[in-house]
Protein backbone atom coordinates (compact mmCIF):
# COMPACT_ATOMS: atom_id res chain seq x y z
CA MET A 1 -27.75 22.66 14.12
CA LYS A 2 -29.12 24.85 11.34
CA LYS A 3 -29.46 22.09 8.75
CA ILE A 4 -30.40 18.47 8.78
CA ALA A 5 -27.53 16.16 7.99
CA SER A 6 -27.33 15.40 4.28
CA VAL A 7 -27.87 11.68 4.78
CA LEU A 8 -31.15 12.36 6.54
CA LEU A 9 -32.20 14.68 3.74
CA VAL A 10 -31.61 11.93 1.20
CA LEU A 11 -33.61 9.46 3.26
CA ALA A 12 -36.43 11.96 3.69
CA MET A 13 -36.68 12.55 -0.05
CA LEU A 14 -36.86 8.80 -0.65
CA LEU A 15 -39.86 8.44 1.61
CA CYS A 16 -43.23 8.46 -0.14
CA SER A 17 -44.76 10.51 2.65
CA VAL A 18 -43.84 12.12 5.94
CA ALA A 19 -45.46 10.71 9.06
CA PHE A 20 -46.25 13.54 11.48
CA ALA A 21 -46.40 12.52 15.13
CA GLU A 22 -49.14 13.64 17.50
CA VAL A 23 -48.11 16.39 19.89
CA ALA A 24 -49.38 16.63 23.45
CA LYS A 25 -51.00 19.96 24.30
CA GLU A 26 -48.35 20.84 26.87
CA ASP A 27 -45.57 20.14 24.37
CA VAL A 28 -46.90 22.27 21.51
CA LYS A 29 -44.56 25.03 20.39
CA ILE A 30 -45.47 27.48 17.63
CA GLY A 31 -43.26 29.89 15.67
CA LEU A 32 -44.43 33.09 13.98
CA ILE A 33 -42.20 35.03 11.56
CA CYS A 34 -43.24 38.68 11.04
CA LEU A 35 -41.94 41.17 8.50
CA HIS A 36 -42.29 43.96 11.06
CA ASP A 37 -43.55 43.90 14.65
CA GLU A 38 -46.72 44.70 16.60
CA ASN A 39 -46.39 48.39 15.67
CA SER A 40 -47.27 47.47 12.08
CA GLY A 41 -50.99 47.06 11.50
CA TYR A 42 -50.32 44.20 9.10
CA ASP A 43 -48.15 42.22 11.49
CA ALA A 44 -50.24 43.11 14.55
CA ASN A 45 -53.17 41.39 12.85
CA PHE A 46 -51.20 38.13 12.48
CA ILE A 47 -49.92 38.31 16.05
CA ASP A 48 -53.38 38.95 17.50
CA CYS A 49 -54.94 36.18 15.41
CA MET A 50 -52.28 33.66 16.41
CA LYS A 51 -52.78 34.47 20.08
CA ALA A 52 -56.54 34.06 19.63
CA ALA A 53 -56.01 30.66 17.97
CA LEU A 54 -53.85 29.53 20.88
CA GLU A 55 -56.46 30.68 23.39
CA ASN A 56 -59.23 28.88 21.52
CA LEU A 57 -57.20 25.66 21.66
CA GLY A 58 -56.41 26.03 25.35
CA LEU A 59 -52.74 26.78 24.71
CA ASP A 60 -50.65 29.38 26.51
CA GLU A 61 -48.93 32.37 24.92
CA SER A 62 -45.68 31.08 26.37
CA GLN A 63 -45.92 28.31 23.74
CA LEU A 64 -45.57 30.94 20.99
CA ILE A 65 -42.21 32.26 19.77
CA ILE A 66 -42.38 35.38 17.60
CA LYS A 67 -39.53 36.42 15.32
CA SER A 68 -40.10 40.10 14.52
CA ASN A 69 -38.62 42.45 11.90
CA ILE A 70 -37.52 39.60 9.63
CA PRO A 71 -36.79 40.96 6.13
CA GLU A 72 -37.53 39.17 2.89
CA SER A 73 -34.02 37.75 2.71
CA GLN A 74 -31.88 34.86 3.94
CA GLU A 75 -32.76 36.05 7.43
CA ALA A 76 -36.19 34.52 6.89
CA TYR A 77 -34.59 31.09 6.43
CA ASP A 78 -32.40 31.67 9.48
CA ALA A 79 -35.46 32.56 11.55
CA ALA A 80 -37.37 29.49 10.35
CA ALA A 81 -34.40 27.19 11.00
CA ASP A 82 -33.92 28.68 14.48
CA LEU A 83 -37.58 28.07 15.30
CA ALA A 84 -37.30 24.47 14.11
CA ASP A 85 -34.16 23.97 16.18
CA MET A 86 -35.99 25.43 19.20
CA GLY A 87 -38.57 22.65 18.93
CA CYS A 88 -41.43 24.35 17.09
CA GLN A 89 -43.68 21.81 15.41
CA TYR A 90 -45.43 24.53 13.39
CA VAL A 91 -44.00 27.73 11.85
CA PHE A 92 -46.03 30.47 10.14
CA ALA A 93 -44.46 33.28 8.04
CA ASP A 94 -46.47 36.37 7.12
CA SER A 95 -44.87 38.17 4.15
CA PHE A 96 -44.85 37.48 0.41
CA GLY A 97 -41.06 37.70 0.01
CA HIS A 98 -40.42 35.17 2.77
CA GLU A 99 -41.64 32.30 0.60
CA ASP A 100 -38.47 30.93 -1.02
CA TYR A 101 -36.66 30.96 2.32
CA ILE A 102 -39.51 29.19 4.09
CA ILE A 103 -39.56 26.55 1.35
CA GLN A 104 -35.82 26.06 1.91
CA ALA A 105 -36.43 25.53 5.61
CA ALA A 106 -39.37 23.20 4.97
CA SER A 107 -37.21 21.02 2.73
CA GLU A 108 -34.57 20.73 5.45
CA PHE A 109 -36.93 20.19 8.39
CA PRO A 110 -39.51 17.70 7.07
CA GLU A 111 -40.83 16.92 10.55
CA VAL A 112 -41.97 20.55 11.00
CA GLN A 113 -45.10 21.98 9.37
CA PHE A 114 -44.67 25.40 7.69
CA SER A 115 -47.37 27.81 6.52
CA HIS A 116 -46.82 30.94 4.48
CA ALA A 117 -49.32 33.75 3.94
CA THR A 118 -49.86 35.22 0.46
CA GLY A 119 -47.50 32.76 -1.26
CA THR A 120 -47.92 31.00 -4.58
CA LYS A 121 -45.59 27.99 -4.66
CA ALA A 122 -47.03 25.37 -2.31
CA GLN A 123 -48.81 23.49 -5.08
CA SER A 124 -45.61 23.16 -7.09
CA ALA A 125 -43.09 22.77 -4.25
CA GLY A 126 -43.93 19.10 -3.73
CA LEU A 127 -43.44 19.29 0.06
CA GLU A 128 -46.00 17.72 2.37
CA ASN A 129 -44.99 20.09 5.16
CA TYR A 130 -45.27 23.37 3.23
CA HIS A 131 -48.57 25.25 2.85
CA ASN A 132 -49.92 28.50 1.37
CA ALA A 133 -52.89 30.29 2.86
CA PHE A 134 -54.89 33.42 2.18
CA ALA A 135 -58.50 34.60 2.34
CA SER A 136 -61.13 35.90 -0.07
CA ILE A 137 -60.37 39.41 1.14
CA PHE A 138 -61.41 40.88 -2.21
CA GLN A 139 -64.99 40.45 -0.94
CA GLY A 140 -64.24 42.47 2.17
CA ARG A 141 -62.46 45.14 0.16
CA PHE A 142 -65.43 45.39 -2.21
CA ALA A 143 -67.83 45.85 0.72
CA ALA A 144 -65.57 48.46 2.34
CA GLY A 145 -65.28 50.20 -1.02
CA TYR A 146 -69.06 50.20 -1.32
CA ALA A 147 -69.28 52.07 2.01
CA ALA A 148 -66.83 54.61 0.56
CA GLY A 149 -68.88 54.93 -2.63
CA LEU A 150 -71.99 55.68 -0.56
CA LEU A 151 -70.04 58.48 1.14
CA LEU A 152 -68.98 59.90 -2.24
CA ASN A 153 -72.61 59.83 -3.35
CA GLU A 154 -73.66 61.75 -0.26
CA LYS A 155 -70.99 64.36 -0.92
CA ILE A 156 -72.23 64.70 -4.52
CA GLU A 157 -75.86 65.04 -3.38
CA LYS A 158 -74.88 67.71 -0.86
CA GLY A 159 -72.98 69.65 -3.51
CA GLU A 160 -69.64 69.22 -1.72
CA ILE A 161 -68.14 67.66 -4.87
CA THR A 162 -69.30 67.13 -8.43
CA GLU A 163 -69.57 63.71 -10.06
CA ASP A 164 -66.29 64.16 -11.91
CA GLN A 165 -64.56 65.13 -8.65
CA ALA A 166 -65.21 61.69 -7.13
CA LYS A 167 -61.50 60.91 -7.26
CA VAL A 168 -60.04 58.19 -5.04
CA GLY A 169 -56.35 57.86 -4.15
CA TYR A 170 -54.69 54.56 -3.32
CA VAL A 171 -51.31 54.00 -1.68
CA GLY A 172 -49.93 50.59 -2.67
CA ALA A 173 -46.76 48.90 -1.50
CA PHE A 174 -45.68 46.96 -4.59
CA PRO A 175 -47.25 46.32 -8.01
CA TYR A 176 -47.94 42.68 -7.07
CA ALA A 177 -51.15 40.91 -8.01
CA GLU A 178 -52.14 40.89 -4.33
CA VAL A 179 -52.06 44.70 -4.26
CA ILE A 180 -53.65 45.07 -7.71
CA SER A 181 -56.47 42.72 -6.76
CA GLY A 182 -56.91 44.72 -3.57
CA TYR A 183 -57.23 48.15 -5.09
CA THR A 184 -59.32 46.88 -7.99
CA SER A 185 -61.85 45.17 -5.72
CA THR A 186 -61.99 48.32 -3.57
CA PHE A 187 -62.56 50.42 -6.68
CA LEU A 188 -65.28 48.12 -8.02
CA GLY A 189 -67.03 48.37 -4.64
CA ILE A 190 -66.83 52.15 -4.78
CA ARG A 191 -68.23 52.16 -8.32
CA TYR A 192 -71.04 49.80 -7.31
CA ALA A 193 -72.37 52.80 -5.41
CA CYS A 194 -70.77 55.71 -7.30
CA PRO A 195 -70.34 54.96 -11.03
CA SER A 196 -68.46 58.22 -11.77
CA ALA A 197 -65.59 57.43 -9.39
CA THR A 198 -62.00 57.14 -10.66
CA MET A 199 -58.86 56.01 -8.86
CA THR A 200 -55.18 56.99 -8.93
CA VAL A 201 -52.60 54.62 -7.45
CA LYS A 202 -49.14 55.46 -6.13
CA PHE A 203 -46.68 52.70 -5.24
CA THR A 204 -44.08 53.14 -2.49
CA ASN A 205 -42.17 49.92 -3.35
CA ASP A 206 -41.89 49.24 0.37
CA TRP A 207 -44.21 47.43 2.76
CA GLY A 208 -43.53 49.50 5.83
CA ASP A 209 -42.10 52.98 5.25
CA GLN A 210 -44.38 55.40 7.08
CA ALA A 211 -42.77 58.49 5.58
CA LEU A 212 -43.16 57.20 2.01
CA GLU A 213 -46.77 56.17 2.60
CA GLN A 214 -47.64 59.53 4.14
CA GLU A 215 -45.86 61.35 1.31
CA ALA A 216 -47.74 59.34 -1.33
CA ALA A 217 -51.10 59.98 0.33
CA THR A 218 -50.35 63.70 0.69
CA ALA A 219 -49.42 63.90 -3.01
CA LEU A 220 -52.66 62.16 -4.04
CA ILE A 221 -54.69 64.54 -1.91
CA ALA A 222 -52.90 67.47 -3.57
CA GLN A 223 -53.95 66.01 -6.94
CA GLY A 224 -57.60 66.32 -5.95
CA CYS A 225 -58.37 62.94 -4.39
CA VAL A 226 -61.27 63.31 -1.98
CA LEU A 227 -61.08 59.80 -0.53
CA MET A 228 -58.14 57.49 0.18
CA SER A 229 -57.42 53.79 0.59
CA GLU A 230 -54.22 51.81 0.92
CA HIS A 231 -52.44 48.48 1.02
CA ALA A 232 -49.36 49.20 3.09
CA ASP A 233 -48.38 48.44 6.66
CA THR A 234 -48.10 51.69 8.63
CA VAL A 235 -50.24 54.61 9.77
CA GLY A 236 -48.71 56.84 7.07
CA ALA A 237 -51.74 57.17 4.78
CA PRO A 238 -54.36 57.37 7.57
CA THR A 239 -52.31 60.08 9.28
CA ALA A 240 -52.13 62.13 6.07
CA CYS A 241 -55.89 61.73 5.66
CA GLU A 242 -56.58 62.86 9.23
CA ASP A 243 -54.36 65.91 8.75
CA ALA A 244 -56.19 66.83 5.53
CA GLY A 245 -59.70 65.85 6.60
CA ILE A 246 -59.97 63.19 3.85
CA PRO A 247 -61.96 59.97 4.47
CA ASN A 248 -59.90 56.78 4.52
CA VAL A 249 -60.66 53.10 3.90
CA ALA A 250 -57.93 50.92 5.40
CA TYR A 251 -56.81 47.30 5.44
CA ASN A 252 -56.23 44.78 8.23
CA ILE A 253 -56.65 47.12 11.18
CA ASP A 254 -59.11 49.68 12.54
CA PHE A 255 -57.39 53.07 12.31
CA SER A 256 -60.16 55.02 14.07
CA ALA A 257 -57.89 55.59 17.08
CA VAL A 258 -55.28 57.18 14.80
CA ALA A 259 -57.76 59.00 12.58
CA PRO A 260 -61.04 59.38 14.52
CA ASN A 261 -62.44 62.00 12.15
CA THR A 262 -61.57 60.35 8.84
CA ALA A 263 -61.20 56.56 9.25
CA LEU A 264 -64.36 55.20 7.61
CA ILE A 265 -64.00 51.41 7.71
CA SER A 266 -61.42 48.66 7.12
CA SER A 267 -61.52 45.21 5.61
CA ARG A 268 -59.58 42.60 7.51
CA ILE A 269 -58.35 39.04 7.17
CA ASN A 270 -59.07 37.11 10.34
CA TRP A 271 -56.29 34.50 10.33
CA THR A 272 -57.53 32.79 13.48
CA PRO A 273 -59.71 30.16 11.73
CA TYR A 274 -56.82 29.04 9.50
CA MET A 275 -54.22 29.11 12.27
CA GLN A 276 -56.48 27.18 14.61
CA MET A 277 -57.17 24.55 11.94
CA ALA A 278 -53.46 24.14 11.20
CA ILE A 279 -52.35 23.96 14.84
CA GLU A 280 -55.10 21.46 15.66
CA ALA A 281 -53.95 19.30 12.74
CA VAL A 282 -50.35 19.49 13.96
CA MET A 283 -51.45 18.42 17.45
CA LYS A 284 -53.27 15.41 15.97
CA GLY A 285 -50.46 14.54 13.58
CA GLU A 286 -52.83 15.02 10.66
CA ALA A 287 -52.43 16.61 7.23
CA PHE A 288 -54.09 19.92 6.35
CA PRO A 289 -54.64 21.68 3.00
CA THR A 290 -51.60 22.54 0.91
CA ASP A 291 -53.20 25.71 -0.45
CA ILE A 292 -56.45 27.24 0.77
CA ALA A 293 -58.31 30.54 0.81
CA LEU A 294 -60.95 30.83 3.51
CA GLY A 295 -63.83 33.27 3.13
CA MET A 296 -66.74 34.91 4.87
CA ALA A 297 -68.43 31.62 5.69
CA GLU A 298 -65.40 30.53 7.73
CA GLY A 299 -65.08 33.91 9.46
CA ALA A 300 -61.83 34.72 7.66
CA VAL A 301 -63.05 37.93 5.96
CA GLU A 302 -64.35 40.74 8.15
CA LEU A 303 -65.12 44.44 8.22
CA THR A 304 -64.19 46.62 11.17
CA GLU A 305 -66.85 48.69 12.84
CA LEU A 306 -68.13 51.53 10.66
CA ASN A 307 -67.20 55.00 11.95
CA PRO A 308 -70.49 56.91 12.38
CA ASN A 309 -68.59 60.21 12.42
CA VAL A 310 -67.63 59.65 8.79
CA ALA A 311 -70.14 57.29 7.13
CA ALA A 312 -73.05 58.32 4.96
CA GLU A 313 -76.54 57.89 6.38
CA GLY A 314 -77.92 54.37 5.95
CA THR A 315 -74.53 52.80 5.25
CA VAL A 316 -74.81 50.00 7.82
CA GLU A 317 -77.99 48.57 6.30
CA LYS A 318 -76.82 48.92 2.71
CA VAL A 319 -73.43 47.32 3.38
CA GLN A 320 -75.17 44.42 5.13
CA GLU A 321 -77.26 43.85 2.00
CA VAL A 322 -74.09 43.72 -0.12
CA LEU A 323 -72.41 41.32 2.32
CA GLU A 324 -75.38 38.98 2.06
CA LYS A 325 -75.26 39.07 -1.74
CA LEU A 326 -71.52 38.37 -1.73
CA ALA A 327 -71.97 35.47 0.66
CA SER A 328 -74.75 33.92 -1.44
CA GLY A 329 -72.92 34.40 -4.74
CA GLU A 330 -75.65 36.65 -6.11
CA LEU A 331 -73.01 39.40 -6.38
CA GLN A 332 -69.55 38.69 -7.81
CA VAL A 333 -66.77 41.17 -7.10
CA PHE A 334 -65.10 40.78 -10.51
CA ASP A 335 -68.30 40.66 -12.55
CA THR A 336 -66.98 41.17 -16.08
CA SER A 337 -70.01 43.22 -17.08
CA THR A 338 -68.90 45.95 -14.65
CA PHE A 339 -65.46 46.79 -16.05
CA THR A 340 -63.34 46.87 -19.18
CA VAL A 341 -59.62 46.53 -19.81
CA ASN A 342 -58.18 48.85 -22.46
CA GLY A 343 -61.71 49.15 -23.78
CA MET A 344 -62.12 45.38 -24.10
CA THR A 345 -64.12 42.91 -22.07
CA ALA A 346 -62.06 40.77 -19.72
CA GLU A 347 -62.77 37.74 -21.91
CA GLU A 348 -61.29 39.49 -24.92
CA TYR A 349 -58.33 40.90 -23.02
CA VAL A 350 -57.02 37.75 -21.34
CA GLN A 351 -57.01 35.93 -24.67
CA THR A 352 -54.95 38.52 -26.51
CA GLU A 353 -51.46 37.47 -27.53
CA ASP A 354 -49.92 40.52 -25.89
CA TYR A 355 -51.34 39.67 -22.48
CA LEU A 356 -50.09 36.09 -22.51
CA GLN A 357 -46.70 37.22 -23.82
CA ASP A 358 -46.37 39.88 -21.12
CA THR A 359 -47.05 37.41 -18.32
CA ALA A 360 -44.77 34.80 -19.89
CA ASN A 361 -41.93 37.34 -19.82
CA GLY A 362 -41.85 37.76 -16.08
CA GLY A 363 -45.33 38.90 -15.04
CA PHE A 364 -46.57 37.86 -11.62
CA ASN A 365 -47.21 34.12 -11.40
CA ALA A 366 -46.62 33.57 -15.10
CA ALA A 367 -47.23 29.81 -14.96
CA VAL A 368 -50.75 30.24 -13.68
CA HIS A 369 -51.50 33.01 -16.15
CA GLN A 370 -51.01 30.59 -19.02
CA ILE A 371 -54.53 29.43 -18.25
CA ALA A 372 -55.80 32.98 -17.88
CA ALA A 373 -58.75 32.28 -20.15
CA GLU A 374 -59.96 29.76 -17.56
CA TYR A 375 -60.14 32.50 -14.93
CA VAL A 376 -62.91 34.30 -16.78
CA LYS A 377 -66.03 32.19 -17.08
CA ASP A 378 -69.65 32.25 -15.95
CA GLY A 379 -69.54 36.05 -16.24
CA TYR A 380 -66.86 36.79 -13.68
CA PHE A 381 -63.15 36.47 -12.92
CA HIS A 382 -62.61 33.55 -10.52
CA GLU A 383 -60.22 35.05 -8.00
CA SER A 384 -58.45 32.83 -5.41
CA GLU A 385 -60.02 29.60 -6.73
CA PHE A 386 -57.02 28.19 -8.64
CA GLN A 387 -54.67 29.13 -5.79
CA SER A 388 -55.16 30.92 -2.50
CA ALA A 389 -53.02 33.99 -3.24
CA PRO A 390 -54.69 36.68 -5.39
CA TYR A 391 -53.82 36.61 -9.07
CA PHE A 392 -56.15 39.26 -10.51
CA ASP A 393 -53.83 41.79 -12.13
CA LEU A 394 -55.85 43.16 -15.04
CA PRO A 395 -55.33 46.94 -15.51
CA ILE A 396 -58.99 47.94 -15.63
CA ASP A 397 -60.25 51.21 -17.07
CA GLY A 398 -60.91 53.95 -14.54
CA ILE A 399 -57.76 53.24 -12.52
CA THR A 400 -54.53 55.11 -13.28
CA VAL A 401 -51.10 54.29 -11.88
CA ASP A 402 -49.18 57.49 -11.19
């Protein structure tokens, strides 16, 4: 039974709210839909975090069903429907392009709670059993970038590179706001330490093609990039960096085992706090937030251990100082005094007619961008406050897309 009978759908839509029943611990069944499998750093992070959440709640791994290698297509709906049919009370999907298919499943299985990572439509979907979640990872990326900037400074001081050779490469999957926010926050962290740094970005237009990622990183290194970062799912870029002896700042997983001589540090979303909150709510038959971004205070944003073989002297102490300033709000990642967009301040740029017209004609999350001017206030861009998924997509000066 892939779909609920139409008469039940009609009745469900007529109800003002959905009553979720409590679930006994021994009866809990959880579904996890992954774009790739445990061999992908991105997906491995979700899998590990889900298992940790189950352990914290006294649940067994046998109560978890993982659907791996599910593309961003109708197969995502099929996977979600299968998990619902198998008795899962809670289903979590991990990739941006899964969203529409998970919403379809949520509408047809109102007794099942669904969460989707990195999505943007929970607030508008009008479904009590569909949720978006993310984390304030831009803070972690900034801190990791700062560690990289300290390394560039050390190389400049030692005469290994000049100030104008502080070129950073970035391998991005797709030109989505999530990726743009990621490389921009990394870059701003680098510049917080090394003001002369510039960045060149190459997109692969694929989340998990190791060959493409390695090829992009190799090309950036050939263009003179002396440091690399990435937002993609395989070991492609770290492998290219290890082969070339180029320091690397990664995302979601510690690549020091793959690149022991070049992996500097990684920022990471720890999904365990969110997953644990959601599963606990499901067990109690209670509601939980429709759209939420957890941060450092909740343990959702982390840095992996710094590689002493790569890091500049004194990095641990200096990064800790930055983390404390980020946590207190003394330091804002997207401080508008620290960057310009086409030579304009962010305040000027987001209010230009061209910017609003561009987003209205198909830019990422166009509906939210209609209030773009509201994003920039109090001296900084308020990322992940209007919705959990990142929406910073300003093309700031100093970053070039190749």
